[in-house]
């Protein structure tokens, strides 16, 4: 059965939320506690039904990065610093989008639509990027349930010399680890490289 996320739900996922609501959620956290992205997500869903997903994506990445610094280096940013960094990243992103929209490149005619997993399952979408000049790569993971609700996100830069195939395989590994950390057992994995996905089937 070809199940797609409904248009009404997709519109709800794209609704905006206010900066003060982000601040409220973050200020509820203890300054020495590095919260997981899922914990902040549910807090925001409760306190801020209108979510700007650009802000949320950068906020989730900042929290995840802060968690890693606390875990591996013993350093932790305050909620105020996380919000400040998020605002700066979002502004840079929006400026980049604005300048891109002024170019003469044709806009895509169709956008691939995310398909939900079966009831009770979670879908892990993974992707990777290779930065040859810098000699490193990056991986990204996003996990949703059958309703399209975000369960966890992760983005990480790796100081590894990997090819396109290897970086997606690494992203897949990171996605599985994130799902395990979140206690999600019934998962399906989706990515762009068919060779890696076929090997996991």
N, C-alpha and C. Protein backbone atom coordinates (compact mmCIF):
# COMPACT_ATOMS: atom_id res chain seq x y z
N UNK A 1 0.85 -1.19 0.00
CA UNK A 1 0.00 0.00 0.00
C UNK A 1 0.89 1.24 0.00
N UNK A 2 0.57 2.19 -0.87
CA UNK A 2 1.37 3.40 -1.02
C UNK A 2 0.88 4.44 -0.01
N UNK A 3 1.52 4.49 1.17
CA UNK A 3 1.09 5.41 2.23
C UNK A 3 1.99 6.63 2.21
N UNK A 4 1.37 7.81 2.15
CA UNK A 4 2.14 9.05 2.16
C UNK A 4 1.65 9.94 3.31
N UNK A 5 2.50 10.83 3.74
CA UNK A 5 2.13 11.73 4.82
C UNK A 5 1.07 12.70 4.30
N UNK A 6 -0.07 12.86 5.01
CA UNK A 6 -1.14 13.73 4.52
C UNK A 6 -0.70 15.18 4.42
N UNK A 7 -1.30 15.92 3.47
CA UNK A 7 -0.98 17.33 3.25
C UNK A 7 -1.21 18.16 4.52
N UNK A 8 -2.33 17.86 5.23
CA UNK A 8 -2.64 18.61 6.44
C UNK A 8 -1.57 18.41 7.50
N UNK A 9 -1.09 17.17 7.65
CA UNK A 9 -0.03 16.89 8.63
C UNK A 9 1.27 17.57 8.20
N UNK A 10 1.55 17.56 6.89
CA UNK A 10 2.77 18.19 6.38
C UNK A 10 2.76 19.69 6.67
N UNK A 11 1.58 20.33 6.51
CA UNK A 11 1.45 21.76 6.80
C UNK A 11 1.68 22.02 8.30
N UNK A 12 1.16 21.10 9.13
CA UNK A 12 1.34 21.25 10.58
C UNK A 12 2.82 21.14 10.95
N UNK A 13 3.54 20.25 10.28
CA UNK A 13 4.97 20.08 10.56
C UNK A 13 5.77 21.33 10.19
N UNK A 14 5.24 22.14 9.27
CA UNK A 14 5.96 23.32 8.78
C UNK A 14 5.55 24.61 9.50
N UNK A 15 4.65 24.50 10.47
CA UNK A 15 4.23 25.69 11.20
C UNK A 15 5.39 26.26 12.02
N UNK A 16 5.35 27.58 12.28
CA UNK A 16 6.43 28.26 12.99
C UNK A 16 6.15 28.32 14.49
N UNK A 17 7.22 28.52 15.27
CA UNK A 17 7.06 28.78 16.70
C UNK A 17 7.94 29.95 17.08
N UNK A 18 7.64 30.57 18.22
CA UNK A 18 8.30 31.81 18.61
C UNK A 18 9.60 31.57 19.37
N UNK A 19 10.51 32.53 19.23
CA UNK A 19 11.83 32.42 19.86
C UNK A 19 11.71 32.36 21.38
N UNK A 20 10.76 33.13 21.95
CA UNK A 20 10.62 33.13 23.41
C UNK A 20 10.19 31.76 23.93
N UNK A 21 9.49 30.99 23.11
CA UNK A 21 9.08 29.66 23.53
C UNK A 21 10.27 28.70 23.55
N UNK A 22 11.22 28.91 22.61
CA UNK A 22 12.46 28.12 22.64
C UNK A 22 13.23 28.45 23.91
N UNK A 23 13.33 29.75 24.20
CA UNK A 23 14.07 30.18 25.39
C UNK A 23 13.44 29.59 26.66
N UNK A 24 12.11 29.61 26.72
CA UNK A 24 11.43 29.06 27.89
C UNK A 24 11.78 27.59 28.08
N UNK A 25 11.72 26.82 26.99
CA UNK A 25 12.02 25.39 27.08
C UNK A 25 13.45 25.15 27.53
N UNK A 26 14.38 25.93 26.96
CA UNK A 26 15.79 25.75 27.31
C UNK A 26 16.10 26.20 28.73
N UNK A 27 15.42 27.26 29.19
CA UNK A 27 15.67 27.75 30.54
C UNK A 27 15.13 26.82 31.61
N UNK A 28 14.29 25.86 31.22
CA UNK A 28 13.78 24.86 32.16
C UNK A 28 14.86 23.83 32.49
N UNK A 29 15.95 23.82 31.71
CA UNK A 29 16.99 22.81 31.90
C UNK A 29 18.04 23.29 32.89
N UNK A 30 18.60 22.38 33.62
CA UNK A 30 19.69 22.70 34.53
C UNK A 30 20.93 23.05 33.71
N UNK A 31 21.70 24.11 34.05
CA UNK A 31 22.84 24.55 33.24
C UNK A 31 23.94 23.51 33.05
N UNK A 32 24.02 22.51 33.95
CA UNK A 32 25.07 21.50 33.79
C UNK A 32 24.54 20.23 33.14
N UNK A 33 23.29 20.25 32.73
CA UNK A 33 22.69 19.06 32.10
C UNK A 33 22.64 19.27 30.60
N UNK A 34 23.15 18.31 29.86
CA UNK A 34 23.10 18.39 28.41
C UNK A 34 21.95 17.51 27.93
N UNK A 35 20.82 18.10 27.53
CA UNK A 35 19.65 17.30 27.19
C UNK A 35 19.76 16.65 25.84
N UNK A 36 19.07 15.53 25.68
CA UNK A 36 19.02 14.87 24.39
C UNK A 36 18.03 15.58 23.49
N UNK A 37 18.16 15.45 22.16
CA UNK A 37 17.27 16.14 21.23
C UNK A 37 15.82 15.71 21.36
N UNK A 38 15.58 14.45 21.71
CA UNK A 38 14.20 13.98 21.85
C UNK A 38 13.51 14.65 23.04
N UNK A 39 14.27 14.87 24.12
CA UNK A 39 13.72 15.52 25.32
C UNK A 39 13.26 16.93 25.00
N UNK A 40 14.08 17.69 24.25
CA UNK A 40 13.74 19.06 23.88
C UNK A 40 12.58 19.07 22.90
N UNK A 41 12.57 18.11 21.97
CA UNK A 41 11.51 18.05 20.97
C UNK A 41 10.13 17.95 21.62
N UNK A 42 9.97 17.01 22.55
CA UNK A 42 8.66 16.84 23.17
C UNK A 42 8.29 18.04 24.02
N UNK A 43 9.27 18.68 24.62
CA UNK A 43 9.00 19.89 25.39
C UNK A 43 8.49 20.99 24.47
N UNK A 44 9.13 21.12 23.31
CA UNK A 44 8.71 22.15 22.35
C UNK A 44 7.33 21.84 21.78
N UNK A 45 7.05 20.57 21.50
CA UNK A 45 5.74 20.18 20.98
C UNK A 45 4.63 20.55 21.97
N UNK A 46 4.96 20.44 23.24
CA UNK A 46 4.00 20.76 24.29
C UNK A 46 3.83 22.25 24.46
N UNK A 47 4.93 22.98 24.44
CA UNK A 47 4.91 24.41 24.72
C UNK A 47 4.72 25.27 23.47
N UNK A 48 5.12 24.73 22.30
CA UNK A 48 5.10 25.54 21.07
C UNK A 48 4.56 24.72 19.90
N UNK A 49 3.24 24.75 19.69
CA UNK A 49 2.68 23.94 18.61
C UNK A 49 3.06 24.44 17.21
N UNK A 50 3.41 25.70 17.08
CA UNK A 50 3.80 26.24 15.78
C UNK A 50 5.33 26.26 15.66
N UNK A 51 5.87 25.33 14.88
CA UNK A 51 7.32 25.15 14.85
C UNK A 51 7.94 25.59 13.53
N UNK A 52 8.97 26.42 13.60
CA UNK A 52 9.80 26.76 12.45
C UNK A 52 10.87 25.68 12.38
N UNK A 53 10.79 24.78 11.40
CA UNK A 53 11.68 23.62 11.36
C UNK A 53 13.12 23.98 11.03
N UNK A 54 13.35 25.16 10.43
CA UNK A 54 14.73 25.61 10.23
C UNK A 54 15.37 25.90 11.58
N UNK A 55 14.62 26.61 12.43
CA UNK A 55 15.12 26.91 13.78
C UNK A 55 15.30 25.62 14.56
N UNK A 56 14.31 24.74 14.47
CA UNK A 56 14.38 23.51 15.24
C UNK A 56 15.57 22.65 14.84
N UNK A 57 15.83 22.55 13.52
CA UNK A 57 16.94 21.71 13.06
C UNK A 57 18.27 22.22 13.60
N UNK A 58 18.49 23.54 13.54
CA UNK A 58 19.74 24.10 14.06
C UNK A 58 19.81 23.98 15.58
N UNK A 59 18.67 24.15 16.24
CA UNK A 59 18.64 24.02 17.69
C UNK A 59 18.97 22.59 18.11
N UNK A 60 18.37 21.61 17.41
CA UNK A 60 18.64 20.21 17.73
C UNK A 60 20.12 19.88 17.51
N UNK A 61 20.68 20.39 16.42
CA UNK A 61 22.10 20.13 16.14
C UNK A 61 22.97 20.74 17.23
N UNK A 62 22.65 21.96 17.67
CA UNK A 62 23.43 22.62 18.73
C UNK A 62 23.36 21.85 20.03
N UNK A 63 22.17 21.33 20.36
CA UNK A 63 22.02 20.57 21.60
C UNK A 63 22.80 19.26 21.51
N UNK A 64 22.71 18.60 20.35
CA UNK A 64 23.45 17.34 20.17
C UNK A 64 24.96 17.59 20.26
N UNK A 65 25.43 18.66 19.63
CA UNK A 65 26.85 19.01 19.66
C UNK A 65 27.28 19.33 21.09
N UNK A 66 26.42 20.04 21.83
CA UNK A 66 26.70 20.37 23.23
C UNK A 66 26.80 19.10 24.08
N UNK A 67 25.90 18.15 23.81
CA UNK A 67 25.93 16.86 24.51
C UNK A 67 27.26 16.15 24.29
N UNK A 68 27.73 16.15 23.04
CA UNK A 68 28.98 15.47 22.72
C UNK A 68 30.18 16.14 23.41
N UNK A 69 30.15 17.48 23.46
CA UNK A 69 31.24 18.20 24.15
C UNK A 69 31.25 17.87 25.64
N UNK A 70 30.06 17.81 26.24
CA UNK A 70 29.97 17.49 27.66
C UNK A 70 30.44 16.05 27.91
N UNK A 71 30.02 15.16 27.03
CA UNK A 71 30.34 13.74 27.21
C UNK A 71 31.82 13.44 27.01
N UNK A 72 32.45 14.10 26.03
CA UNK A 72 33.83 13.77 25.68
C UNK A 72 34.88 14.75 26.22
N UNK A 73 34.45 16.00 26.49
CA UNK A 73 35.42 17.00 26.93
C UNK A 73 35.06 17.61 28.28
N UNK A 74 33.87 17.29 28.80
CA UNK A 74 33.46 17.84 30.09
C UNK A 74 33.06 19.30 30.05
N UNK A 75 32.81 19.83 28.83
CA UNK A 75 32.44 21.24 28.67
C UNK A 75 30.98 21.32 28.24
N UNK A 76 30.26 22.30 28.79
CA UNK A 76 28.83 22.43 28.50
C UNK A 76 28.45 23.90 28.33
N UNK A 77 27.74 24.22 27.23
CA UNK A 77 27.27 25.58 27.01
C UNK A 77 26.00 25.83 27.81
N UNK A 78 25.75 27.09 28.12
CA UNK A 78 24.50 27.45 28.79
C UNK A 78 23.37 27.49 27.76
N UNK A 79 22.14 27.45 28.25
CA UNK A 79 20.98 27.53 27.36
C UNK A 79 21.00 28.83 26.56
N UNK A 80 21.43 29.92 27.20
CA UNK A 80 21.49 31.22 26.53
C UNK A 80 22.45 31.18 25.34
N UNK A 81 23.60 30.53 25.52
CA UNK A 81 24.58 30.42 24.44
C UNK A 81 24.05 29.55 23.31
N UNK A 82 23.35 28.47 23.64
CA UNK A 82 22.78 27.59 22.62
C UNK A 82 21.77 28.36 21.77
N UNK A 83 20.92 29.15 22.41
CA UNK A 83 19.92 29.95 21.69
C UNK A 83 20.61 30.99 20.81
N UNK A 84 21.64 31.64 21.34
CA UNK A 84 22.37 32.65 20.58
C UNK A 84 23.04 32.04 19.34
N UNK A 85 23.70 30.89 19.52
CA UNK A 85 24.33 30.20 18.39
C UNK A 85 23.28 29.78 17.36
N UNK A 86 22.14 29.29 17.83
CA UNK A 86 21.07 28.86 16.93
C UNK A 86 20.56 30.02 16.10
N UNK A 87 20.33 31.16 16.74
CA UNK A 87 19.87 32.35 16.02
C UNK A 87 20.87 32.78 14.94
N UNK A 88 22.15 32.70 15.28
CA UNK A 88 23.19 33.09 14.31
C UNK A 88 23.21 32.15 13.11
N UNK A 89 23.14 30.84 13.38
CA UNK A 89 23.15 29.86 12.30
C UNK A 89 21.93 30.00 11.40
N UNK A 90 20.76 30.22 12.02
CA UNK A 90 19.52 30.37 11.24
C UNK A 90 19.60 31.60 10.35
N UNK A 91 20.13 32.69 10.89
CA UNK A 91 20.26 33.93 10.10
C UNK A 91 21.20 33.72 8.91
N UNK A 92 22.33 33.05 9.14
CA UNK A 92 23.26 32.76 8.04
C UNK A 92 22.60 31.86 7.00
N UNK A 93 21.83 30.88 7.46
CA UNK A 93 21.14 29.97 6.55
C UNK A 93 20.12 30.72 5.69
N UNK A 94 19.33 31.59 6.34
CA UNK A 94 18.30 32.34 5.61
C UNK A 94 18.90 33.33 4.62
N UNK A 95 20.04 33.91 4.97
CA UNK A 95 20.72 34.80 4.04
C UNK A 95 21.22 34.02 2.83
N UNK A 96 21.72 32.81 3.09
CA UNK A 96 22.17 31.96 1.98
C UNK A 96 21.03 31.56 1.07
N UNK A 97 19.86 31.24 1.66
CA UNK A 97 18.69 30.88 0.86
C UNK A 97 18.24 32.07 0.02
N UNK A 98 18.26 33.27 0.62
CA UNK A 98 17.83 34.48 -0.09
C UNK A 98 18.72 34.74 -1.30
N UNK A 99 20.04 34.63 -1.10
CA UNK A 99 20.96 34.88 -2.21
C UNK A 99 20.84 33.80 -3.28
N UNK A 100 20.56 32.55 -2.86
CA UNK A 100 20.39 31.46 -3.82
C UNK A 100 19.16 31.68 -4.68
N UNK A 101 18.10 32.22 -4.07
CA UNK A 101 16.85 32.43 -4.80
C UNK A 101 16.98 33.48 -5.90
N UNK A 102 18.04 34.32 -5.84
CA UNK A 102 18.24 35.35 -6.85
C UNK A 102 19.05 34.85 -8.04
N UNK A 103 19.53 33.63 -8.00
CA UNK A 103 20.29 33.07 -9.12
C UNK A 103 19.34 32.61 -10.20
N UNK A 104 19.88 32.31 -11.37
CA UNK A 104 19.06 31.93 -12.52
C UNK A 104 18.85 30.42 -12.63
N UNK A 105 19.26 29.67 -11.60
CA UNK A 105 19.09 28.22 -11.67
C UNK A 105 17.63 27.85 -11.66
N UNK A 106 17.21 26.88 -12.47
CA UNK A 106 15.80 26.46 -12.49
C UNK A 106 15.42 25.76 -11.20
N UNK A 107 14.21 25.98 -10.74
CA UNK A 107 13.73 25.35 -9.53
C UNK A 107 13.24 23.94 -9.85
N UNK A 108 13.42 23.02 -8.93
CA UNK A 108 12.96 21.65 -9.20
C UNK A 108 11.45 21.61 -9.39
N UNK A 109 11.01 20.75 -10.30
CA UNK A 109 9.58 20.64 -10.60
C UNK A 109 8.84 19.83 -9.56
N UNK A 110 9.50 18.88 -8.95
CA UNK A 110 8.84 18.03 -7.98
C UNK A 110 9.78 17.74 -6.81
N UNK A 111 9.20 17.60 -5.64
CA UNK A 111 9.98 17.30 -4.43
C UNK A 111 9.56 15.92 -3.92
N UNK A 112 10.56 15.09 -3.65
CA UNK A 112 10.26 13.76 -3.12
C UNK A 112 9.55 13.89 -1.78
N UNK A 113 8.51 13.10 -1.59
CA UNK A 113 7.75 13.17 -0.35
C UNK A 113 8.11 12.01 0.57
N UNK A 114 8.30 12.35 1.84
CA UNK A 114 8.66 11.34 2.83
C UNK A 114 7.50 10.38 3.04
N UNK A 115 7.80 9.08 3.11
CA UNK A 115 6.78 8.07 3.35
C UNK A 115 6.95 7.48 4.75
N UNK A 116 5.87 7.43 5.52
CA UNK A 116 5.98 6.94 6.90
C UNK A 116 6.19 5.44 6.96
N UNK A 117 6.77 4.96 8.06
CA UNK A 117 6.91 3.52 8.27
C UNK A 117 5.57 2.93 8.72
N UNK A 118 5.53 1.62 8.88
CA UNK A 118 4.32 0.96 9.36
C UNK A 118 4.05 1.36 10.81
N UNK A 119 2.82 1.15 11.25
CA UNK A 119 2.42 1.51 12.60
C UNK A 119 3.32 0.82 13.64
N UNK A 120 3.79 1.60 14.60
CA UNK A 120 4.64 1.07 15.66
C UNK A 120 6.12 1.01 15.30
N UNK A 121 6.46 1.40 14.08
CA UNK A 121 7.86 1.38 13.62
C UNK A 121 8.37 2.81 13.50
N UNK A 122 9.70 2.92 13.36
CA UNK A 122 10.35 4.22 13.21
C UNK A 122 11.23 4.19 11.96
N UNK A 123 11.24 5.30 11.22
CA UNK A 123 12.06 5.36 10.02
C UNK A 123 13.30 6.21 10.29
N UNK A 124 14.47 5.64 9.97
CA UNK A 124 15.74 6.35 10.10
C UNK A 124 16.18 6.78 8.71
N UNK A 125 16.20 8.09 8.46
CA UNK A 125 16.73 8.61 7.20
C UNK A 125 18.17 9.07 7.43
N UNK A 126 19.08 8.62 6.57
CA UNK A 126 20.49 8.95 6.74
C UNK A 126 21.04 9.58 5.45
N UNK A 127 22.08 10.37 5.62
CA UNK A 127 22.77 10.95 4.46
C UNK A 127 24.20 11.30 4.88
N UNK A 128 25.05 11.46 3.89
CA UNK A 128 26.44 11.81 4.16
C UNK A 128 26.98 12.74 3.10
N UNK A 129 28.04 13.44 3.43
CA UNK A 129 28.69 14.37 2.49
C UNK A 129 30.20 14.23 2.63
N UNK A 130 30.89 14.30 1.50
CA UNK A 130 32.35 14.21 1.49
C UNK A 130 32.93 15.57 1.12
N UNK A 131 33.85 16.08 1.94
CA UNK A 131 34.52 17.35 1.69
C UNK A 131 35.98 17.05 1.35
N UNK A 132 36.24 16.82 0.07
CA UNK A 132 37.57 16.38 -0.36
C UNK A 132 38.66 17.39 -0.02
N UNK A 133 38.39 18.67 -0.26
CA UNK A 133 39.41 19.70 -0.01
C UNK A 133 39.80 19.77 1.47
N UNK A 134 38.82 19.58 2.34
CA UNK A 134 39.09 19.65 3.79
C UNK A 134 39.58 18.32 4.34
N UNK A 135 39.43 17.26 3.55
CA UNK A 135 39.88 15.95 4.01
C UNK A 135 39.01 15.35 5.10
N UNK A 136 37.73 15.71 5.10
CA UNK A 136 36.83 15.13 6.09
C UNK A 136 35.46 14.89 5.48
N UNK A 137 34.53 14.48 6.30
CA UNK A 137 33.18 14.19 5.82
C UNK A 137 32.17 14.49 6.92
N UNK A 138 30.90 14.43 6.57
CA UNK A 138 29.85 14.68 7.54
C UNK A 138 28.71 13.70 7.35
N UNK A 139 28.01 13.42 8.44
CA UNK A 139 26.86 12.52 8.38
C UNK A 139 25.67 13.18 9.07
N UNK A 140 24.48 12.80 8.63
CA UNK A 140 23.26 13.33 9.22
C UNK A 140 22.23 12.23 9.38
N UNK A 141 21.46 12.31 10.44
CA UNK A 141 20.44 11.29 10.74
C UNK A 141 19.19 11.99 11.24
N UNK A 142 18.03 11.50 10.80
CA UNK A 142 16.75 11.98 11.33
C UNK A 142 15.84 10.78 11.50
N UNK A 143 15.17 10.71 12.65
CA UNK A 143 14.30 9.56 12.95
C UNK A 143 12.88 10.07 13.23
N UNK A 144 11.89 9.47 12.53
CA UNK A 144 10.48 9.84 12.73
C UNK A 144 9.65 8.60 12.98
N UNK A 145 8.49 8.80 13.62
CA UNK A 145 7.55 7.69 13.78
C UNK A 145 6.56 7.68 12.63
N UNK A 146 5.54 6.81 12.71
CA UNK A 146 4.60 6.67 11.59
C UNK A 146 3.73 7.90 11.38
N UNK A 147 3.67 8.79 12.37
CA UNK A 147 2.90 10.03 12.23
C UNK A 147 3.74 11.17 11.68
N UNK A 148 5.03 10.91 11.47
CA UNK A 148 5.92 11.96 11.00
C UNK A 148 6.53 12.76 12.13
N UNK A 149 6.22 12.40 13.37
CA UNK A 149 6.77 13.12 14.52
C UNK A 149 8.26 12.81 14.66
N UNK A 150 9.03 13.85 14.94
CA UNK A 150 10.48 13.73 15.06
C UNK A 150 10.84 13.07 16.38
N UNK A 151 11.61 11.99 16.31
CA UNK A 151 12.04 11.27 17.51
C UNK A 151 13.49 11.60 17.89
N UNK A 152 14.31 11.95 16.90
CA UNK A 152 15.71 12.27 17.16
C UNK A 152 16.40 12.74 15.90
N UNK A 153 17.41 13.60 16.06
CA UNK A 153 18.22 14.08 14.93
C UNK A 153 19.68 14.10 15.35
N UNK A 154 20.56 14.01 14.38
CA UNK A 154 21.99 14.05 14.66
C UNK A 154 22.74 14.52 13.42
N UNK A 155 23.73 15.36 13.62
CA UNK A 155 24.62 15.80 12.55
C UNK A 155 26.03 15.83 13.12
N UNK A 156 26.97 15.31 12.36
CA UNK A 156 28.33 15.18 12.90
C UNK A 156 29.38 15.32 11.80
N UNK A 157 30.44 16.06 12.09
CA UNK A 157 31.58 16.14 11.16
C UNK A 157 32.62 15.12 11.61
N UNK A 158 33.16 14.38 10.65
CA UNK A 158 34.13 13.33 10.96
C UNK A 158 35.45 13.60 10.25
N UNK A 159 36.53 13.48 10.98
CA UNK A 159 37.86 13.68 10.40
C UNK A 159 38.34 12.37 9.77
N UNK A 160 37.61 11.93 8.77
CA UNK A 160 37.91 10.68 8.09
C UNK A 160 37.92 10.89 6.58
N UNK A 161 38.82 10.18 5.89
CA UNK A 161 38.88 10.24 4.43
C UNK A 161 38.02 9.10 3.87
N UNK A 162 36.73 9.38 3.66
CA UNK A 162 35.81 8.37 3.17
C UNK A 162 35.27 8.74 1.80
N UNK A 163 34.91 7.71 1.02
CA UNK A 163 34.26 7.94 -0.25
C UNK A 163 32.76 8.07 -0.04
N UNK A 164 32.01 8.33 -1.14
CA UNK A 164 30.57 8.53 -1.04
C UNK A 164 29.86 7.31 -0.47
N UNK A 165 30.28 6.12 -0.89
CA UNK A 165 29.65 4.89 -0.40
C UNK A 165 29.93 4.68 1.09
N UNK A 166 31.19 4.88 1.48
CA UNK A 166 31.59 4.65 2.87
C UNK A 166 30.93 5.65 3.83
N UNK A 167 30.76 6.90 3.38
CA UNK A 167 30.20 7.90 4.29
C UNK A 167 28.72 7.62 4.55
N UNK A 168 27.99 7.08 3.55
CA UNK A 168 26.60 6.72 3.79
C UNK A 168 26.52 5.51 4.71
N UNK A 169 27.47 4.58 4.55
CA UNK A 169 27.52 3.43 5.45
C UNK A 169 27.78 3.90 6.88
N UNK A 170 28.66 4.89 7.03
CA UNK A 170 28.96 5.44 8.36
C UNK A 170 27.73 6.15 8.93
N UNK A 171 27.01 6.89 8.07
CA UNK A 171 25.80 7.58 8.51
C UNK A 171 24.76 6.57 8.98
N UNK A 172 24.68 5.44 8.28
CA UNK A 172 23.75 4.38 8.65
C UNK A 172 24.10 3.82 10.03
N UNK A 173 25.39 3.61 10.26
CA UNK A 173 25.85 3.12 11.56
C UNK A 173 25.49 4.11 12.67
N UNK A 174 25.70 5.41 12.39
CA UNK A 174 25.37 6.44 13.38
C UNK A 174 23.87 6.47 13.64
N UNK A 175 23.07 6.25 12.60
CA UNK A 175 21.62 6.24 12.75
C UNK A 175 21.15 5.10 13.63
N UNK A 176 21.75 3.93 13.44
CA UNK A 176 21.40 2.77 14.26
C UNK A 176 21.78 3.02 15.72
N UNK A 177 22.95 3.62 15.93
CA UNK A 177 23.39 3.93 17.30
C UNK A 177 22.47 4.93 17.97
N UNK A 178 22.03 5.96 17.21
CA UNK A 178 21.13 6.96 17.77
C UNK A 178 19.79 6.32 18.15
N UNK A 179 19.27 5.45 17.28
CA UNK A 179 18.01 4.76 17.59
C UNK A 179 18.15 3.92 18.85
N UNK A 180 19.30 3.27 18.99
CA UNK A 180 19.54 2.44 20.18
C UNK A 180 19.60 3.31 21.43
N UNK A 181 20.28 4.49 21.32
CA UNK A 181 20.36 5.41 22.46
C UNK A 181 18.97 5.89 22.88
N UNK A 182 18.06 6.04 21.90
CA UNK A 182 16.72 6.53 22.18
C UNK A 182 15.76 5.41 22.57
N UNK A 183 16.27 4.16 22.56
CA UNK A 183 15.43 3.02 22.94
C UNK A 183 14.44 2.60 21.87
N UNK A 184 14.75 2.91 20.60
CA UNK A 184 13.86 2.56 19.49
C UNK A 184 14.34 1.25 18.87
N UNK A 185 13.50 0.23 18.89
CA UNK A 185 13.92 -1.09 18.43
C UNK A 185 13.40 -1.45 17.03
N UNK A 186 12.14 -1.15 16.76
CA UNK A 186 11.55 -1.51 15.47
C UNK A 186 11.79 -0.38 14.48
N UNK A 187 12.86 -0.50 13.70
CA UNK A 187 13.26 0.59 12.81
C UNK A 187 13.45 0.10 11.37
N UNK A 188 13.26 1.01 10.44
CA UNK A 188 13.63 0.80 9.04
C UNK A 188 14.57 1.93 8.66
N UNK A 189 15.50 1.64 7.76
CA UNK A 189 16.52 2.62 7.38
C UNK A 189 16.34 3.00 5.93
N UNK A 190 16.48 4.30 5.65
CA UNK A 190 16.32 4.80 4.29
C UNK A 190 17.47 5.75 3.97
N UNK A 191 18.08 5.57 2.82
CA UNK A 191 19.18 6.43 2.39
C UNK A 191 19.26 6.46 0.88
N UNK A 192 20.21 7.27 0.34
CA UNK A 192 20.31 7.47 -1.10
C UNK A 192 21.10 6.40 -1.83
N UNK A 193 22.05 5.75 -1.15
CA UNK A 193 22.91 4.78 -1.83
C UNK A 193 22.29 3.39 -1.77
N UNK A 194 21.85 2.90 -2.91
CA UNK A 194 21.12 1.63 -2.98
C UNK A 194 21.99 0.43 -2.56
N UNK A 195 23.29 0.51 -2.84
CA UNK A 195 24.17 -0.60 -2.49
C UNK A 195 24.18 -0.83 -0.99
N UNK A 196 24.29 0.27 -0.21
CA UNK A 196 24.32 0.16 1.24
C UNK A 196 22.96 -0.32 1.75
N UNK A 197 21.88 0.27 1.22
CA UNK A 197 20.54 -0.09 1.66
C UNK A 197 20.22 -1.55 1.34
N UNK A 198 20.66 -2.02 0.17
CA UNK A 198 20.42 -3.41 -0.22
C UNK A 198 21.16 -4.38 0.69
N UNK A 199 22.38 -3.98 1.09
CA UNK A 199 23.18 -4.84 1.98
C UNK A 199 22.52 -5.00 3.34
N UNK A 200 21.72 -3.99 3.76
CA UNK A 200 21.06 -4.04 5.06
C UNK A 200 19.72 -4.77 5.01
N UNK A 201 19.20 -4.95 3.79
CA UNK A 201 17.86 -5.56 3.65
C UNK A 201 17.88 -7.02 4.02
